[in-house]
Amino acid sequence: MSNHITLTEYVKKRTGVPLGANGSMNNMLKRSFGAPSFYLFWR
């Protein structure tokens, strides 16, 4: 049994917004570039 998820599922899980939805790119950039520390940037 594998635990693979699709890119769409991953993006939804990480950002809370489906891939391609209005605001998804903004959420992804905020989560990475708005990180308060280097550790959280790479997390």
PDB file of N, CA and C in Angstrom:
ATOM      1  N   MET A   1       0.840  -1.182   0.000  1.00  0.00           N
ATOM      2  CA  MET A   1       0.000   0.000   0.000  1.00  0.00           C
ATOM      3  C   MET A   1       0.886   1.247   0.000  1.00  0.00           C
ATOM      4  N   SER A   2       0.654   2.166  -0.925  1.00  0.00           N
ATOM      5  CA  SER A   2       1.476   3.373  -0.990  1.00  0.00           C
ATOM      6  C   SER A   2       0.702   4.569  -0.442  1.00  0.00           C
ATOM      7  N   ASN A   3       1.464   5.546  -0.001  1.00  0.00           N
ATOM      8  CA  ASN A   3       0.882   6.754   0.564  1.00  0.00           C
ATOM      9  C   ASN A   3       1.080   7.948  -0.362  1.00  0.00           C
ATOM     10  N   HIS A   4       0.988   7.740  -1.655  1.00  0.00           N
ATOM     11  CA  HIS A   4       1.199   8.809  -2.623  1.00  0.00           C
ATOM     12  C   HIS A   4      -0.043   9.687  -2.716  1.00  0.00           C
ATOM     13  N   ILE A   5       0.201  10.996  -2.801  1.00  0.00           N
ATOM     14  CA  ILE A   5      -0.897  11.918  -3.050  1.00  0.00           C
ATOM     15  C   ILE A   5      -0.572  12.703  -4.308  1.00  0.00           C
ATOM     16  N   THR A   6      -1.580  13.236  -4.930  1.00  0.00           N
ATOM     17  CA  THR A   6      -1.367  14.007  -6.147  1.00  0.00           C
ATOM     18  C   THR A   6      -0.926  15.419  -5.797  1.00  0.00           C
ATOM     19  N   LEU A   7      -0.406  16.127  -6.776  1.00  0.00           N
ATOM     20  CA  LEU A   7      -0.004  17.516  -6.584  1.00  0.00           C
ATOM     21  C   LEU A   7      -1.199  18.348  -6.148  1.00  0.00           C
ATOM     22  N   THR A   8      -2.341  18.127  -6.745  1.00  0.00           N
ATOM     23  CA  THR A   8      -3.552  18.869  -6.398  1.00  0.00           C
ATOM     24  C   THR A   8      -3.921  18.654  -4.942  1.00  0.00           C
ATOM     25  N   GLU A   9      -3.849  17.421  -4.474  1.00  0.00           N
ATOM     26  CA  GLU A   9      -4.159  17.116  -3.078  1.00  0.00           C
ATOM     27  C   GLU A   9      -3.146  17.769  -2.133  1.00  0.00           C
ATOM     28  N   TYR A  10      -1.882  17.752  -2.526  1.00  0.00           N
ATOM     29  CA  TYR A  10      -0.824  18.340  -1.705  1.00  0.00           C
ATOM     30  C   TYR A  10      -1.033  19.845  -1.551  1.00  0.00           C
ATOM     31  N   VAL A  11      -1.301  20.527  -2.657  1.00  0.00           N
ATOM     32  CA  VAL A  11      -1.492  21.975  -2.620  1.00  0.00           C
ATOM     33  C   VAL A  11      -2.696  22.327  -1.760  1.00  0.00           C
ATOM     34  N   LYS A  12      -3.771  21.583  -1.903  1.00  0.00           N
ATOM     35  CA  LYS A  12      -4.973  21.824  -1.094  1.00  0.00           C
ATOM     36  C   LYS A  12      -4.675  21.641   0.389  1.00  0.00           C
ATOM     37  N   LYS A  13      -3.896  20.621   0.718  1.00  0.00           N
ATOM     38  CA  LYS A  13      -3.555  20.347   2.112  1.00  0.00           C
ATOM     39  C   LYS A  13      -2.655  21.439   2.685  1.00  0.00           C
ATOM     40  N   ARG A  14      -1.671  21.906   1.907  1.00  0.00           N
ATOM     41  CA  ARG A  14      -0.702  22.888   2.400  1.00  0.00           C
ATOM     42  C   ARG A  14      -1.257  24.307   2.457  1.00  0.00           C
ATOM     43  N   THR A  15      -2.091  24.691   1.480  1.00  0.00           N
ATOM     44  CA  THR A  15      -2.544  26.074   1.399  1.00  0.00           C
ATOM     45  C   THR A  15      -4.000  26.259   1.800  1.00  0.00           C
ATOM     46  N   GLY A  16      -4.769  25.195   1.778  1.00  0.00           N
ATOM     47  CA  GLY A  16      -6.189  25.306   2.080  1.00  0.00           C
ATOM     48  C   GLY A  16      -7.019  25.758   0.895  1.00  0.00           C
ATOM     49  N   VAL A  17      -6.360  25.971  -0.240  1.00  0.00           N
ATOM     50  CA  VAL A  17      -7.035  26.422  -1.452  1.00  0.00           C
ATOM     51  C   VAL A  17      -6.670  25.455  -2.575  1.00  0.00           C
ATOM     52  N   PRO A  18      -7.645  24.982  -3.355  1.00  0.00           N
ATOM     53  CA  PRO A  18      -7.331  24.068  -4.453  1.00  0.00           C
ATOM     54  C   PRO A  18      -6.401  24.696  -5.492  1.00  0.00           C
ATOM     55  N   LEU A  19      -5.576  23.887  -6.109  1.00  0.00           N
ATOM     56  CA  LEU A  19      -4.670  24.327  -7.160  1.00  0.00           C
ATOM     57  C   LEU A  19      -5.467  24.949  -8.300  1.00  0.00           C
ATOM     58  N   GLY A  20      -5.074  26.130  -8.697  1.00  0.00           N
ATOM     59  CA  GLY A  20      -5.752  26.822  -9.789  1.00  0.00           C
ATOM     60  C   GLY A  20      -6.926  27.677  -9.347  1.00  0.00           C
ATOM     61  N   ALA A  21      -7.298  27.598  -8.084  1.00  0.00           N
ATOM     62  CA  ALA A  21      -8.399  28.411  -7.586  1.00  0.00           C
ATOM     63  C   ALA A  21      -7.951  29.854  -7.404  1.00  0.00           C
ATOM     64  N   ASN A  22      -8.899  30.742  -7.360  1.00  0.00           N
ATOM     65  CA  ASN A  22      -8.597  32.151  -7.142  1.00  0.00           C
ATOM     66  C   ASN A  22      -7.902  32.311  -5.788  1.00  0.00           C
ATOM     67  N   GLY A  23      -6.699  32.845  -5.790  1.00  0.00           N
ATOM     68  CA  GLY A  23      -5.957  33.067  -4.558  1.00  0.00           C
ATOM     69  C   GLY A  23      -4.970  31.969  -4.205  1.00  0.00           C
ATOM     70  N   SER A  24      -4.901  30.898  -4.969  1.00  0.00           N
ATOM     71  CA  SER A  24      -3.997  29.797  -4.614  1.00  0.00           C
ATOM     72  C   SER A  24      -2.527  30.204  -4.715  1.00  0.00           C
ATOM     73  N   MET A  25      -2.158  30.945  -5.745  1.00  0.00           N
ATOM     74  CA  MET A  25      -0.767  31.385  -5.888  1.00  0.00           C
ATOM     75  C   MET A  25      -0.400  32.353  -4.770  1.00  0.00           C
ATOM     76  N   ASN A  26      -1.305  33.236  -4.443  1.00  0.00           N
ATOM     77  CA  ASN A  26      -1.071  34.191  -3.360  1.00  0.00           C
ATOM     78  C   ASN A  26      -0.840  33.457  -2.041  1.00  0.00           C
ATOM     79  N   ASN A  27      -1.632  32.449  -1.754  1.00  0.00           N
ATOM     80  CA  ASN A  27      -1.463  31.666  -0.525  1.00  0.00           C
ATOM     81  C   ASN A  27      -0.128  30.941  -0.508  1.00  0.00           C
ATOM     82  N   MET A  28       0.272  30.360  -1.624  1.00  0.00           N
ATOM     83  CA  MET A  28       1.541  29.636  -1.681  1.00  0.00           C
ATOM     84  C   MET A  28       2.716  30.585  -1.432  1.00  0.00           C
ATOM     85  N   LEU A  29       2.685  31.760  -2.041  1.00  0.00           N
ATOM     86  CA  LEU A  29       3.776  32.719  -1.870  1.00  0.00           C
ATOM     87  C   LEU A  29       3.812  33.274  -0.450  1.00  0.00           C
ATOM     88  N   LYS A  30       2.654  33.549   0.123  1.00  0.00           N
ATOM     89  CA  LYS A  30       2.605  34.052   1.496  1.00  0.00           C
ATOM     90  C   LYS A  30       3.181  33.036   2.466  1.00  0.00           C
ATOM     91  N   ARG A  31       2.862  31.763   2.262  1.00  0.00           N
ATOM     92  CA  ARG A  31       3.337  30.722   3.173  1.00  0.00           C
ATOM     93  C   ARG A  31       4.846  30.560   3.092  1.00  0.00           C
ATOM     94  N   SER A  32       5.423  30.709   1.916  1.00  0.00           N
ATOM     95  CA  SER A  32       6.866  30.503   1.814  1.00  0.00           C
ATOM     96  C   SER A  32       7.648  31.787   2.068  1.00  0.00           C
ATOM     97  N   PHE A  33       7.339  32.860   1.359  1.00  0.00           N
ATOM     98  CA  PHE A  33       8.119  34.086   1.499  1.00  0.00           C
ATOM     99  C   PHE A  33       7.745  34.890   2.738  1.00  0.00           C
ATOM    100  N   GLY A  34       6.619  34.615   3.326  1.00  0.00           N
ATOM    101  CA  GLY A  34       6.198  35.315   4.534  1.00  0.00           C
ATOM    102  C   GLY A  34       6.574  34.573   5.801  1.00  0.00           C
ATOM    103  N   ALA A  35       7.404  33.557   5.672  1.00  0.00           N
ATOM    104  CA  ALA A  35       7.801  32.763   6.838  1.00  0.00           C
ATOM    105  C   ALA A  35       8.636  33.613   7.791  1.00  0.00           C
ATOM    106  N   PRO A  36       8.373  33.505   9.083  1.00  0.00           N
ATOM    107  CA  PRO A  36       9.107  34.315  10.048  1.00  0.00           C
ATOM    108  C   PRO A  36      10.537  33.836  10.314  1.00  0.00           C
ATOM    109  N   SER A  37      10.889  32.629   9.848  1.00  0.00           N
ATOM    110  CA  SER A  37      12.249  32.133  10.056  1.00  0.00           C
ATOM    111  C   SER A  37      12.684  31.289   8.864  1.00  0.00           C
ATOM    112  N   PHE A  38      13.984  31.107   8.763  1.00  0.00           N
ATOM    113  CA  PHE A  38      14.534  30.278   7.689  1.00  0.00           C
ATOM    114  C   PHE A  38      14.011  28.847   7.784  1.00  0.00           C
ATOM    115  N   TYR A  39      13.923  28.340   8.994  1.00  0.00           N
ATOM    116  CA  TYR A  39      13.421  26.964   9.217  1.00  0.00           C
ATOM    117  C   TYR A  39      11.997  26.822   8.675  1.00  0.00           C
ATOM    118  N   LEU A  40      11.128  27.765   8.984  1.00  0.00           N
ATOM    119  CA  LEU A  40       9.741  27.671   8.537  1.00  0.00           C
ATOM    120  C   LEU A  40       9.618  27.882   7.036  1.00  0.00           C
ATOM    121  N   PHE A  41      10.553  28.630   6.448  1.00  0.00           N
ATOM    122  CA  PHE A  41      10.548  28.784   4.991  1.00  0.00           C
ATOM    123  C   PHE A  41      10.692  27.425   4.318  1.00  0.00           C
ATOM    124  N   TRP A  42      11.598  26.583   4.793  1.00  0.00           N
ATOM    125  CA  TRP A  42      11.854  25.291   4.178  1.00  0.00           C
ATOM    126  C   TRP A  42      10.905  24.211   4.657  1.00  0.00           C
ATOM    127  N   ARG A  43      10.193  24.466   5.692  1.00  0.00           N
ATOM    128  CA  ARG A  43       9.232  23.483   6.181  1.00  0.00           C
ATOM    129  C   ARG A  43       8.087  23.459   5.252  1.00  0.00           C
TER     130      ARG A  43
END
